[in-house]
Every structure is written in C-alpha cells, then in structure tokens.
Amino acid sequence: MTSAQEMPSWGPTAMAVASAAVLVAAIVVALRALWNMRNRK
C-alpha cells in the first residue's frame, strides 16, 4: 500500500472515529444487557 503517504489528514481521524464508534457500541450493548438483567429480577 503506497497510499500511506498520499493519504489525506482524514485517515487517522477516520480510524479514531471508527474505534470510538466501536467503543460506544460496546458500551451501549453492555449497558443494555445490564439494564435487562436488572429489570428481570
């Protein structure tokens, strides 16, 4: 891949946004699971 040097500045930011979205999705899923477990008592 020779596009590493030709890649514009949105490359690292896109990776950061993707990782942040994955983290947010994981947190939402975990909170939803905990909420369901808490309500099922």
Protein backbone atom coordinates (compact mmCIF):
# COMPACT_ATOMS: atom_id res chain seq x y z
CA MET A 1 0.00 0.00 0.00
CA THR A 2 1.75 3.14 -1.22
CA SER A 3 -1.19 5.37 -0.33
CA ALA A 4 0.05 5.76 3.26
CA GLN A 5 1.98 8.92 2.36
CA GLU A 6 -0.66 10.09 -0.12
CA MET A 7 -3.49 9.64 2.37
CA PRO A 8 -5.07 12.96 3.44
CA SER A 9 -5.45 14.04 7.04
CA TRP A 10 -8.80 12.26 7.38
CA GLY A 11 -7.03 8.89 7.53
CA PRO A 12 -6.07 8.89 11.24
CA THR A 13 -9.24 10.74 12.19
CA ALA A 14 -11.35 8.15 10.36
CA MET A 15 -9.58 5.38 12.28
CA ALA A 16 -10.18 7.26 15.55
CA VAL A 17 -13.85 7.81 14.72
CA ALA A 18 -14.28 4.13 13.82
CA SER A 19 -12.63 2.97 17.06
CA ALA A 20 -14.71 5.45 19.08
CA ALA A 21 -17.89 4.20 17.39
CA VAL A 22 -16.95 0.60 18.23
CA LEU A 23 -16.30 1.59 21.86
CA VAL A 24 -19.62 3.44 22.10
CA ALA A 25 -21.48 0.49 20.57
CA ALA A 26 -19.85 -1.93 23.02
CA ILE A 27 -20.72 0.34 25.97
CA VAL A 28 -24.33 0.66 24.78
CA VAL A 29 -24.65 -3.11 24.41
CA ALA A 30 -23.15 -3.68 27.87
CA LEU A 31 -25.44 -1.10 29.48
CA ARG A 32 -28.47 -2.58 27.72
CA ALA A 33 -27.55 -6.08 28.92
CA LEU A 34 -27.08 -4.84 32.49
CA TRP A 35 -30.39 -2.96 32.31
CA ASN A 36 -32.20 -6.08 31.07
CA MET A 37 -30.64 -8.22 33.82
CA ARG A 38 -31.58 -5.63 36.44
CA ASN A 39 -35.19 -5.43 35.22
CA ARG A 40 -35.64 -9.21 35.04
CA LYS A 41 -35.39 -9.63 38.82
